[in-house]
Amino acid sequence: IMKHPENPMFTFSAEAEIVVADKLLPKQVVGHWDVANNRADFSRPYAITYERLLWAASLMGQLIPYTNAVMTPELWQELAEEWSRSATQ
């Protein structure tokens, strides 16, 4: 509950449900990866960029950070197709 500093009679109450996941989805990690700083950055919009696609390719056969998933040729192909669709729009 928050009260207005100038008018304590005015209060505001809010509730939120937060879902906590042990691991993230591979596409979400790739789509929010900050390649320059080598970390996930969820403050930026989701996008499969060329740089992120190259980063994903460098993970072939390895675990994707923050997931239980390994980068496979099939997953990379799916990401490449998404990048291709967005690049032509």
PDB file of N, CA and C in Angstrom:
ATOM      1  N   ILE A   1       0.856  -1.174   0.000  1.00  0.00           N
ATOM      2  CA  ILE A   1       0.000   0.000   0.000  1.00  0.00           C
ATOM      3  C   ILE A   1       0.895   1.228   0.000  1.00  0.00           C
ATOM      4  N   MET A   2       0.571   2.134  -0.887  1.00  0.00           N
ATOM      5  CA  MET A   2       1.324   3.381  -0.974  1.00  0.00           C
ATOM      6  C   MET A   2       0.384   4.527  -0.651  1.00  0.00           C
ATOM      7  N   LYS A   3       0.893   5.523   0.057  1.00  0.00           N
ATOM      8  CA  LYS A   3       0.119   6.721   0.377  1.00  0.00           C
ATOM      9  C   LYS A   3       0.732   7.911  -0.336  1.00  0.00           C
ATOM     10  N   HIS A   4      -0.134   8.798  -0.791  1.00  0.00           N
ATOM     11  CA  HIS A   4       0.320  10.026  -1.442  1.00  0.00           C
ATOM     12  C   HIS A   4       0.981  10.902  -0.385  1.00  0.00           C
ATOM     13  N   PRO A   5       2.194  11.440  -0.668  1.00  0.00           N
ATOM     14  CA  PRO A   5       2.910  12.205   0.355  1.00  0.00           C
ATOM     15  C   PRO A   5       2.199  13.490   0.782  1.00  0.00           C
ATOM     16  N   GLU A   6       1.414  14.084  -0.107  1.00  0.00           N
ATOM     17  CA  GLU A   6       0.726  15.332   0.232  1.00  0.00           C
ATOM     18  C   GLU A   6      -0.693  15.112   0.729  1.00  0.00           C
ATOM     19  N   ASN A   7      -1.261  13.956   0.415  1.00  0.00           N
ATOM     20  CA  ASN A   7      -2.631  13.668   0.837  1.00  0.00           C
ATOM     21  C   ASN A   7      -2.689  12.230   1.327  1.00  0.00           C
ATOM     22  N   PRO A   8      -2.475  12.000   2.620  1.00  0.00           N
ATOM     23  CA  PRO A   8      -2.449  10.641   3.158  1.00  0.00           C
ATOM     24  C   PRO A   8      -3.784   9.899   3.036  1.00  0.00           C
ATOM     25  N   MET A   9      -4.843  10.625   2.728  1.00  0.00           N
ATOM     26  CA  MET A   9      -6.140   9.967   2.534  1.00  0.00           C
ATOM     27  C   MET A   9      -6.167   9.189   1.216  1.00  0.00           C
ATOM     28  N   PHE A  10      -5.303   9.589   0.286  1.00  0.00           N
ATOM     29  CA  PHE A  10      -5.233   8.924  -1.013  1.00  0.00           C
ATOM     30  C   PHE A  10      -4.220   7.791  -0.926  1.00  0.00           C
ATOM     31  N   THR A  11      -4.712   6.574  -1.045  1.00  0.00           N
ATOM     32  CA  THR A  11      -3.833   5.402  -0.993  1.00  0.00           C
ATOM     33  C   THR A  11      -3.995   4.573  -2.253  1.00  0.00           C
ATOM     34  N   PHE A  12      -3.003   3.800  -2.508  1.00  0.00           N
ATOM     35  CA  PHE A  12      -3.003   2.935  -3.682  1.00  0.00           C
ATOM     36  C   PHE A  12      -2.527   1.563  -3.260  1.00  0.00           C
ATOM     37  N   SER A  13      -3.257   0.548  -3.686  1.00  0.00           N
ATOM     38  CA  SER A  13      -2.899  -0.825  -3.368  1.00  0.00           C
ATOM     39  C   SER A  13      -2.864  -1.630  -4.657  1.00  0.00           C
ATOM     40  N   ALA A  14      -1.872  -2.503  -4.775  1.00  0.00           N
ATOM     41  CA  ALA A  14      -1.760  -3.332  -5.979  1.00  0.00           C
ATOM     42  C   ALA A  14      -1.226  -4.707  -5.608  1.00  0.00           C
ATOM     43  N   GLU A  15      -1.616  -5.685  -6.401  1.00  0.00           N
ATOM     44  CA  GLU A  15      -1.106  -7.038  -6.250  1.00  0.00           C
ATOM     45  C   GLU A  15      -0.607  -7.515  -7.597  1.00  0.00           C
ATOM     46  N   ALA A  16       0.399  -8.343  -7.566  1.00  0.00           N
ATOM     47  CA  ALA A  16       0.933  -8.924  -8.795  1.00  0.00           C
ATOM     48  C   ALA A  16       1.335 -10.360  -8.520  1.00  0.00           C
ATOM     49  N   GLU A  17       1.122 -11.185  -9.513  1.00  0.00           N
ATOM     50  CA  GLU A  17       1.582 -12.565  -9.430  1.00  0.00           C
ATOM     51  C   GLU A  17       2.838 -12.678 -10.269  1.00  0.00           C
ATOM     52  N   ILE A  18       3.893 -13.166  -9.663  1.00  0.00           N
ATOM     53  CA  ILE A  18       5.167 -13.310 -10.359  1.00  0.00           C
ATOM     54  C   ILE A  18       5.449 -14.798 -10.525  1.00  0.00           C
ATOM     55  N   VAL A  19       5.676 -15.188 -11.755  1.00  0.00           N
ATOM     56  CA  VAL A  19       6.003 -16.568 -12.048  1.00  0.00           C
ATOM     57  C   VAL A  19       7.525 -16.681 -12.141  1.00  0.00           C
ATOM     58  N   VAL A  20       8.086 -17.561 -11.373  1.00  0.00           N
ATOM     59  CA  VAL A  20       9.530 -17.760 -11.374  1.00  0.00           C
ATOM     60  C   VAL A  20       9.829 -19.071 -12.086  1.00  0.00           C
ATOM     61  N   ALA A  21      10.688 -18.990 -13.077  1.00  0.00           N
ATOM     62  CA  ALA A  21      11.070 -20.186 -13.829  1.00  0.00           C
ATOM     63  C   ALA A  21      12.502 -20.551 -13.472  1.00  0.00           C
ATOM     64  N   ASP A  22      12.731 -21.834 -13.306  1.00  0.00           N
ATOM     65  CA  ASP A  22      14.100 -22.289 -13.040  1.00  0.00           C
ATOM     66  C   ASP A  22      15.000 -22.046 -14.242  1.00  0.00           C
ATOM     67  N   LYS A  23      14.456 -22.271 -15.408  1.00  0.00           N
ATOM     68  CA  LYS A  23      15.233 -22.123 -16.641  1.00  0.00           C
ATOM     69  C   LYS A  23      14.390 -21.359 -17.660  1.00  0.00           C
ATOM     70  N   LEU A  24      15.052 -20.691 -18.568  1.00  0.00           N
ATOM     71  CA  LEU A  24      14.388 -19.929 -19.609  1.00  0.00           C
ATOM     72  C   LEU A  24      14.304 -20.736 -20.895  1.00  0.00           C
ATOM     73  N   LEU A  25      13.428 -20.296 -21.788  1.00  0.00           N
ATOM     74  CA  LEU A  25      13.320 -20.926 -23.101  1.00  0.00           C
ATOM     75  C   LEU A  25      14.503 -20.495 -23.968  1.00  0.00           C
ATOM     76  N   PRO A  26      15.059 -21.402 -24.734  1.00  0.00           N
ATOM     77  CA  PRO A  26      16.237 -21.074 -25.550  1.00  0.00           C
ATOM     78  C   PRO A  26      16.034 -19.862 -26.458  1.00  0.00           C
ATOM     79  N   LYS A  27      14.893 -19.778 -27.136  1.00  0.00           N
ATOM     80  CA  LYS A  27      14.661 -18.648 -28.038  1.00  0.00           C
ATOM     81  C   LYS A  27      14.613 -17.330 -27.283  1.00  0.00           C
ATOM     82  N   GLN A  28      14.100 -17.340 -26.056  1.00  0.00           N
ATOM     83  CA  GLN A  28      14.053 -16.112 -25.272  1.00  0.00           C
ATOM     84  C   GLN A  28      15.460 -15.650 -24.900  1.00  0.00           C
ATOM     85  N   VAL A  29      16.319 -16.593 -24.554  1.00  0.00           N
ATOM     86  CA  VAL A  29      17.698 -16.226 -24.216  1.00  0.00           C
ATOM     87  C   VAL A  29      18.402 -15.651 -25.442  1.00  0.00           C
ATOM     88  N   VAL A  30      18.316 -16.321 -26.576  1.00  0.00           N
ATOM     89  CA  VAL A  30      18.977 -15.837 -27.791  1.00  0.00           C
ATOM     90  C   VAL A  30      18.401 -14.478 -28.194  1.00  0.00           C
ATOM     91  N   GLY A  31      17.094 -14.334 -28.114  1.00  0.00           N
ATOM     92  CA  GLY A  31      16.434 -13.097 -28.532  1.00  0.00           C
ATOM     93  C   GLY A  31      16.681 -11.907 -27.623  1.00  0.00           C
ATOM     94  N   HIS A  32      17.263 -12.142 -26.457  1.00  0.00           N
ATOM     95  CA  HIS A  32      17.570 -11.049 -25.521  1.00  0.00           C
ATOM     96  C   HIS A  32      19.060 -10.997 -25.180  1.00  0.00           C
ATOM     97  N   TRP A  33      19.884 -11.730 -25.929  1.00  0.00           N
ATOM     98  CA  TRP A  33      21.302 -11.790 -25.585  1.00  0.00           C
ATOM     99  C   TRP A  33      22.016 -10.506 -26.007  1.00  0.00           C
ATOM    100  N   ASP A  34      22.786  -9.941 -25.089  1.00  0.00           N
ATOM    101  CA  ASP A  34      23.633  -8.786 -25.363  1.00  0.00           C
ATOM    102  C   ASP A  34      24.998  -9.341 -25.765  1.00  0.00           C
ATOM    103  N   VAL A  35      25.239  -9.426 -27.065  1.00  0.00           N
ATOM    104  CA  VAL A  35      26.451 -10.056 -27.586  1.00  0.00           C
ATOM    105  C   VAL A  35      27.700  -9.300 -27.136  1.00  0.00           C
ATOM    106  N   ALA A  36      27.650  -7.984 -27.141  1.00  0.00           N
ATOM    107  CA  ALA A  36      28.824  -7.180 -26.784  1.00  0.00           C
ATOM    108  C   ALA A  36      29.260  -7.412 -25.338  1.00  0.00           C
ATOM    109  N   ASN A  37      28.305  -7.604 -24.440  1.00  0.00           N
ATOM    110  CA  ASN A  37      28.625  -7.779 -23.020  1.00  0.00           C
ATOM    111  C   ASN A  37      28.494  -9.222 -22.550  1.00  0.00           C
ATOM    112  N   ASN A  38      28.149 -10.123 -23.479  1.00  0.00           N
ATOM    113  CA  ASN A  38      28.041 -11.558 -23.193  1.00  0.00           C
ATOM    114  C   ASN A  38      27.141 -11.859 -21.988  1.00  0.00           C
ATOM    115  N   ARG A  39      25.909 -11.317 -22.065  1.00  0.00           N
ATOM    116  CA  ARG A  39      24.945 -11.553 -20.993  1.00  0.00           C
ATOM    117  C   ARG A  39      23.531 -11.363 -21.533  1.00  0.00           C
ATOM    118  N   ALA A  40      22.564 -11.909 -20.824  1.00  0.00           N
ATOM    119  CA  ALA A  40      21.162 -11.698 -21.185  1.00  0.00           C
ATOM    120  C   ALA A  40      20.764 -10.286 -20.763  1.00  0.00           C
ATOM    121  N   ASP A  41      19.989  -9.610 -21.611  1.00  0.00           N
ATOM    122  CA  ASP A  41      19.532  -8.254 -21.320  1.00  0.00           C
ATOM    123  C   ASP A  41      18.048  -8.169 -21.672  1.00  0.00           C
ATOM    124  N   PHE A  42      17.207  -8.322 -20.658  1.00  0.00           N
ATOM    125  CA  PHE A  42      15.764  -8.324 -20.889  1.00  0.00           C
ATOM    126  C   PHE A  42      15.176  -6.915 -20.895  1.00  0.00           C
ATOM    127  N   SER A  43      16.028  -5.896 -20.786  1.00  0.00           N
ATOM    128  CA  SER A  43      15.525  -4.525 -20.878  1.00  0.00           C
ATOM    129  C   SER A  43      15.325  -4.114 -22.339  1.00  0.00           C
ATOM    130  N   ARG A  44      15.907  -4.867 -23.248  1.00  0.00           N
ATOM    131  CA  ARG A  44      15.746  -4.604 -24.683  1.00  0.00           C
ATOM    132  C   ARG A  44      14.667  -5.513 -25.250  1.00  0.00           C
ATOM    133  N   PRO A  45      14.019  -5.084 -26.341  1.00  0.00           N
ATOM    134  CA  PRO A  45      12.986  -5.927 -26.945  1.00  0.00           C
ATOM    135  C   PRO A  45      13.558  -7.229 -27.519  1.00  0.00           C
ATOM    136  N   TYR A  46      12.725  -8.254 -27.543  1.00  0.00           N
ATOM    137  CA  TYR A  46      13.096  -9.537 -28.142  1.00  0.00           C
ATOM    138  C   TYR A  46      13.315  -9.345 -29.635  1.00  0.00           C
ATOM    139  N   ALA A  47      14.408  -9.873 -30.139  1.00  0.00           N
ATOM    140  CA  ALA A  47      14.669  -9.856 -31.580  1.00  0.00           C
ATOM    141  C   ALA A  47      15.780 -10.847 -31.883  1.00  0.00           C
ATOM    142  N   ILE A  48      15.609 -11.577 -32.969  1.00  0.00           N
ATOM    143  CA  ILE A  48      16.693 -12.423 -33.465  1.00  0.00           C
ATOM    144  C   ILE A  48      17.441 -11.570 -34.489  1.00  0.00           C
ATOM    145  N   THR A  49      18.605 -11.100 -34.088  1.00  0.00           N
ATOM    146  CA  THR A  49      19.433 -10.269 -34.959  1.00  0.00           C
ATOM    147  C   THR A  49      20.536 -11.132 -35.567  1.00  0.00           C
ATOM    148  N   TYR A  50      21.204 -10.574 -36.559  1.00  0.00           N
ATOM    149  CA  TYR A  50      22.306 -11.297 -37.189  1.00  0.00           C
ATOM    150  C   TYR A  50      23.393 -11.621 -36.173  1.00  0.00           C
ATOM    151  N   GLU A  51      23.727 -10.651 -35.308  1.00  0.00           N
ATOM    152  CA  GLU A  51      24.760 -10.863 -34.295  1.00  0.00           C
ATOM    153  C   GLU A  51      24.366 -11.961 -33.315  1.00  0.00           C
ATOM    154  N   ARG A  52      23.103 -11.959 -32.914  1.00  0.00           N
ATOM    155  CA  ARG A  52      22.619 -12.993 -31.990  1.00  0.00           C
ATOM    156  C   ARG A  52      22.597 -14.350 -32.672  1.00  0.00           C
ATOM    157  N   LEU A  53      22.290 -14.369 -33.946  1.00  0.00           N
ATOM    158  CA  LEU A  53      22.282 -15.622 -34.698  1.00  0.00           C
ATOM    159  C   LEU A  53      23.701 -16.193 -34.792  1.00  0.00           C
ATOM    160  N   LEU A  54      24.687 -15.336 -35.031  1.00  0.00           N
ATOM    161  CA  LEU A  54      26.088 -15.787 -35.047  1.00  0.00           C
ATOM    162  C   LEU A  54      26.493 -16.312 -33.675  1.00  0.00           C
ATOM    163  N   TRP A  55      26.079 -15.601 -32.621  1.00  0.00           N
ATOM    164  CA  TRP A  55      26.386 -16.051 -31.261  1.00  0.00           C
ATOM    165  C   TRP A  55      25.773 -17.427 -31.020  1.00  0.00           C
ATOM    166  N   ALA A  56      24.521 -17.617 -31.447  1.00  0.00           N
ATOM    167  CA  ALA A  56      23.853 -18.909 -31.285  1.00  0.00           C
ATOM    168  C   ALA A  56      24.612 -20.002 -32.032  1.00  0.00           C
ATOM    169  N   ALA A  57      25.127 -19.688 -33.212  1.00  0.00           N
ATOM    170  CA  ALA A  57      25.888 -20.670 -33.987  1.00  0.00           C
ATOM    171  C   ALA A  57      27.160 -21.079 -33.248  1.00  0.00           C
ATOM    172  N   SER A  58      27.746 -20.148 -32.508  1.00  0.00           N
ATOM    173  CA  SER A  58      28.969 -20.469 -31.760  1.00  0.00           C
ATOM    174  C   SER A  58      28.703 -21.440 -30.610  1.00  0.00           C
ATOM    175  N   LEU A  59      27.442 -21.615 -30.258  1.00  0.00           N
ATOM    176  CA  LEU A  59      27.063 -22.526 -29.166  1.00  0.00           C
ATOM    177  C   LEU A  59      26.710 -23.931 -29.653  1.00  0.00           C
ATOM    178  N   MET A  60      26.853 -24.185 -30.939  1.00  0.00           N
ATOM    179  CA  MET A  60      26.438 -25.474 -31.487  1.00  0.00           C
ATOM    180  C   MET A  60      26.984 -26.634 -30.652  1.00  0.00           C
ATOM    181  N   GLY A  61      26.070 -27.490 -30.184  1.00  0.00           N
ATOM    182  CA  GLY A  61      26.442 -28.650 -29.387  1.00  0.00           C
ATOM    183  C   GLY A  61      26.695 -28.343 -27.919  1.00  0.00           C
ATOM    184  N   GLN A  62      26.544 -27.078 -27.530  1.00  0.00           N
ATOM    185  CA  GLN A  62      26.784 -26.675 -26.147  1.00  0.00           C
ATOM    186  C   GLN A  62      25.485 -26.220 -25.483  1.00  0.00           C
ATOM    187  N   LEU A  63      25.513 -26.162 -24.158  1.00  0.00           N
ATOM    188  CA  LEU A  63      24.360 -25.645 -23.421  1.00  0.00           C
ATOM    189  C   LEU A  63      24.179 -24.162 -23.687  1.00  0.00           C
ATOM    190  N   ILE A  64      22.948 -23.755 -23.858  1.00  0.00           N
ATOM    191  CA  ILE A  64      22.604 -22.350 -23.990  1.00  0.00           C
ATOM    192  C   ILE A  64      22.483 -21.797 -22.569  1.00  0.00           C
ATOM    193  N   PRO A  65      23.136 -20.672 -22.266  1.00  0.00           N
ATOM    194  CA  PRO A  65      23.063 -20.138 -20.901  1.00  0.00           C
ATOM    195  C   PRO A  65      21.621 -19.984 -20.411  1.00  0.00           C
ATOM    196  N   TYR A  66      21.425 -20.251 -19.130  1.00  0.00           N
ATOM    197  CA  TYR A  66      20.142 -20.089 -18.434  1.00  0.00           C
ATOM    198  C   TYR A  66      19.053 -21.046 -18.913  1.00  0.00           C
ATOM    199  N   THR A  67      19.430 -22.079 -19.644  1.00  0.00           N
ATOM    200  CA  THR A  67      18.456 -23.074 -20.112  1.00  0.00           C
ATOM    201  C   THR A  67      19.004 -24.466 -19.801  1.00  0.00           C
ATOM    202  N   ASN A  68      18.175 -25.455 -20.026  1.00  0.00           N
ATOM    203  CA  ASN A  68      18.625 -26.850 -19.970  1.00  0.00           C
ATOM    204  C   ASN A  68      18.794 -27.396 -21.378  1.00  0.00           C
ATOM    205  N   ALA A  69      18.878 -26.503 -22.358  1.00  0.00           N
ATOM    206  CA  ALA A  69      18.882 -26.909 -23.760  1.00  0.00           C
ATOM    207  C   ALA A  69      20.260 -26.758 -24.392  1.00  0.00           C
ATOM    208  N   VAL A  70      20.525 -27.637 -25.323  1.00  0.00           N
ATOM    209  CA  VAL A  70      21.744 -27.597 -26.127  1.00  0.00           C
ATOM    210  C   VAL A  70      21.380 -26.980 -27.471  1.00  0.00           C
ATOM    211  N   MET A  71      22.261 -26.137 -28.001  1.00  0.00           N
ATOM    212  CA  MET A  71      22.027 -25.583 -29.330  1.00  0.00           C
ATOM    213  C   MET A  71      22.199 -26.695 -30.354  1.00  0.00           C
ATOM    214  N   THR A  72      21.127 -26.984 -31.047  1.00  0.00           N
ATOM    215  CA  THR A  72      21.131 -28.026 -32.068  1.00  0.00           C
ATOM    216  C   THR A  72      21.016 -27.382 -33.449  1.00  0.00           C
ATOM    217  N   PRO A  73      21.385 -28.115 -34.502  1.00  0.00           N
ATOM    218  CA  PRO A  73      21.190 -27.575 -35.857  1.00  0.00           C
ATOM    219  C   PRO A  73      19.724 -27.226 -36.125  1.00  0.00           C
ATOM    220  N   GLU A  74      18.803 -28.012 -35.576  1.00  0.00           N
ATOM    221  CA  GLU A  74      17.374 -27.767 -35.798  1.00  0.00           C
ATOM    222  C   GLU A  74      16.929 -26.456 -35.137  1.00  0.00           C
ATOM    223  N   LEU A  75      17.371 -26.241 -33.893  1.00  0.00           N
ATOM    224  CA  LEU A  75      17.025 -24.999 -33.197  1.00  0.00           C
ATOM    225  C   LEU A  75      17.660 -23.812 -33.903  1.00  0.00           C
ATOM    226  N   TRP A  76      18.918 -23.945 -34.310  1.00  0.00           N
ATOM    227  CA  TRP A  76      19.581 -22.855 -35.012  1.00  0.00           C
ATOM    228  C   TRP A  76      18.858 -22.535 -36.313  1.00  0.00           C
ATOM    229  N   GLN A  77      18.428 -23.560 -37.039  1.00  0.00           N
ATOM    230  CA  GLN A  77      17.691 -23.353 -38.291  1.00  0.00           C
ATOM    231  C   GLN A  77      16.390 -22.601 -38.037  1.00  0.00           C
ATOM    232  N   GLU A  78      15.701 -22.940 -36.965  1.00  0.00           N
ATOM    233  CA  GLU A  78      14.460 -22.243 -36.597  1.00  0.00           C
ATOM    234  C   GLU A  78      14.752 -20.763 -36.309  1.00  0.00           C
ATOM    235  N   LEU A  79      15.834 -20.492 -35.593  1.00  0.00           N
ATOM    236  CA  LEU A  79      16.220 -19.118 -35.306  1.00  0.00           C
ATOM    237  C   LEU A  79      16.593 -18.377 -36.591  1.00  0.00           C
ATOM    238  N   ALA A  80      17.318 -19.054 -37.484  1.00  0.00           N
ATOM    239  CA  ALA A  80      17.712 -18.440 -38.755  1.00  0.00           C
ATOM    240  C   ALA A  80      16.500 -18.103 -39.608  1.00  0.00           C
ATOM    241  N   GLU A  81      15.511 -18.962 -39.604  1.00  0.00           N
ATOM    242  CA  GLU A  81      14.287 -18.695 -40.363  1.00  0.00           C
ATOM    243  C   GLU A  81      13.541 -17.503 -39.776  1.00  0.00           C
ATOM    244  N   GLU A  82      13.505 -17.404 -38.449  1.00  0.00           N
ATOM    245  CA  GLU A  82      12.860 -16.254 -37.807  1.00  0.00           C
ATOM    246  C   GLU A  82      13.611 -14.966 -38.162  1.00  0.00           C
ATOM    247  N   TRP A  83      14.943 -15.006 -38.129  1.00  0.00           N
ATOM    248  CA  TRP A  83      15.733 -13.846 -38.504  1.00  0.00           C
ATOM    249  C   TRP A  83      15.460 -13.461 -39.956  1.00  0.00           C
ATOM    250  N   SER A  84      15.411 -14.454 -40.829  1.00  0.00           N
ATOM    251  CA  SER A  84      15.180 -14.195 -42.244  1.00  0.00           C
ATOM    252  C   SER A  84      13.820 -13.536 -42.473  1.00  0.00           C
ATOM    253  N   ARG A  85      12.798 -14.019 -41.792  1.00  0.00           N
ATOM    254  CA  ARG A  85      11.448 -13.429 -41.927  1.00  0.00           C
ATOM    255  C   ARG A  85      11.457 -11.984 -41.440  1.00  0.00           C
ATOM    256  N   SER A  86      12.120 -11.705 -40.329  1.00  0.00           N
ATOM    257  CA  SER A  86      12.120 -10.345 -39.800  1.00  0.00           C
ATOM    258  C   SER A  86      12.981  -9.415 -40.633  1.00  0.00           C
ATOM    259  N   ALA A  87      14.016  -9.940 -41.266  1.00  0.00           N
ATOM    260  CA  ALA A  87      14.920  -9.120 -42.085  1.00  0.00           C
ATOM    261  C   ALA A  87      14.257  -8.687 -43.387  1.00  0.00           C
ATOM    262  N   THR A  88      13.260  -9.442 -43.860  1.00  0.00           N
ATOM    263  CA  THR A  88      12.608  -9.134 -45.125  1.00  0.00           C
ATOM    264  C   THR A  88      11.346  -8.300 -44.942  1.00  0.00           C
ATOM    265  N   GLN A  89      11.001  -7.992 -43.714  1.00  0.00           N
ATOM    266  CA  GLN A  89       9.770  -7.206 -43.477  1.00  0.00           C
ATOM    267  C   GLN A  89      10.058  -5.736 -43.470  1.00  0.00           C
TER     268      GLN A  89
END
